[in-house]
Amino acid sequence: MMHSARFGLPVVLTEHARLRMAERNMDTALMLKIIDTGTLKDAGNGHYWLYKHLPDRADNLLCVAAVIDNAVVVKTIMHHWEPRS
């Protein structure tokens, strides 16, 4: 089972997130790096965007959309993401 050091919680992936990870050539280690060291932006009602620029990738910003409660539930993975103010 995956675990987030940042939140001290297990990390669970939806099937949609698994498909998007494969499409965006992302492994679980990279996803956990974004969760644990990326910028956290509150999207409201327990939903968050966690994103990070990775200089060796051309499809930045990479973003993990998640619900954080008693687990970090990853809903999807996005690339070429732009934070809204």
Protein backbone atom coordinates (compact mmCIF):
# COMPACT_ATOMS: atom_id res chain seq x y z
CA MET A 1 0.00 0.00 0.00
CA MET A 2 1.21 3.49 -0.84
CA HIS A 3 1.57 6.03 1.94
CA SER A 4 2.02 9.82 1.96
CA ALA A 5 4.70 11.02 4.36
CA ARG A 6 3.36 14.58 4.07
CA PHE A 7 -0.16 13.72 5.22
CA GLY A 8 0.57 10.55 7.20
CA LEU A 9 -2.19 8.79 5.28
CA PRO A 10 -2.55 5.90 2.83
CA VAL A 11 -2.80 6.84 -0.85
CA VAL A 12 -5.57 5.25 -2.92
CA LEU A 13 -5.91 5.59 -6.70
CA THR A 14 -9.17 5.55 -8.61
CA GLU A 15 -9.23 3.55 -11.83
CA HIS A 16 -9.44 6.86 -13.71
CA ALA A 17 -6.23 8.05 -12.01
CA ARG A 18 -4.46 4.79 -12.95
CA LEU A 19 -5.43 5.27 -16.60
CA ARG A 20 -4.27 8.89 -16.61
CA MET A 21 -0.95 7.94 -14.97
CA ALA A 22 -0.29 5.48 -17.80
CA GLU A 23 -1.28 8.07 -20.45
CA ARG A 24 1.03 10.66 -18.89
CA ASN A 25 3.95 8.27 -18.44
CA MET A 26 3.94 8.64 -14.66
CA ASP A 27 4.81 5.96 -12.12
CA THR A 28 3.74 5.76 -8.49
CA ALA A 29 7.09 7.11 -7.25
CA LEU A 30 6.59 10.31 -9.28
CA MET A 31 2.99 10.63 -8.14
CA LEU A 32 4.06 10.30 -4.49
CA LYS A 33 6.81 12.89 -5.07
CA ILE A 34 4.15 15.36 -6.27
CA ILE A 35 1.87 14.54 -3.31
CA ASP A 36 4.64 14.84 -0.72
CA THR A 37 6.67 17.76 -2.11
CA GLY A 38 4.42 19.62 -4.55
CA THR A 39 2.50 22.83 -4.02
CA LEU A 40 -0.85 22.28 -2.28
CA LYS A 41 -3.85 24.29 -3.45
CA ASP A 42 -7.25 23.99 -1.76
CA ALA A 43 -10.05 23.33 -4.27
CA GLY A 44 -12.77 23.37 -1.58
CA ASN A 45 -14.69 20.75 0.40
CA GLY A 46 -11.71 18.47 1.07
CA HIS A 47 -10.57 18.52 -2.56
CA TYR A 48 -7.03 19.60 -3.41
CA TRP A 49 -4.66 20.08 -6.30
CA LEU A 50 -1.05 19.09 -5.68
CA TYR A 51 1.27 20.18 -8.43
CA LYS A 52 4.95 20.38 -9.27
CA HIS A 53 7.17 21.53 -12.10
CA LEU A 54 9.70 18.88 -13.10
CA PRO A 55 12.49 20.31 -15.28
CA ASP A 56 13.15 17.03 -17.12
CA ARG A 57 9.57 16.81 -18.44
CA ALA A 58 8.05 18.76 -21.32
CA ASP A 59 4.44 18.37 -20.13
CA ASN A 60 4.57 20.57 -17.02
CA LEU A 61 2.90 21.40 -14.66
CA LEU A 62 1.99 17.92 -13.43
CA CYS A 63 -1.00 17.91 -11.09
CA VAL A 64 -2.60 15.33 -8.82
CA ALA A 65 -6.27 16.02 -8.04
CA ALA A 66 -7.15 14.41 -4.72
CA VAL A 67 -9.64 14.22 -1.90
CA ILE A 68 -7.91 14.21 1.49
CA ASP A 69 -9.81 12.81 4.46
CA ASN A 70 -8.84 9.54 6.15
CA ALA A 71 -6.86 8.68 2.99
CA VAL A 72 -5.42 10.60 0.04
CA VAL A 73 -7.75 9.51 -2.76
CA VAL A 74 -6.22 10.40 -6.13
CA LYS A 75 -9.05 11.19 -8.57
CA THR A 76 -7.00 12.05 -11.65
CA ILE A 77 -3.59 13.09 -12.94
CA MET A 78 -3.27 16.14 -15.18
CA HIS A 79 -0.46 17.63 -17.23
CA HIS A 80 -0.02 21.09 -18.78
CA TRP A 81 -2.01 22.21 -15.73
CA GLU A 82 -2.35 25.86 -14.78
CA PRO A 83 -3.42 26.93 -11.29
CA ARG A 84 -6.35 29.30 -11.13
CA SER A 85 -6.20 32.19 -8.71
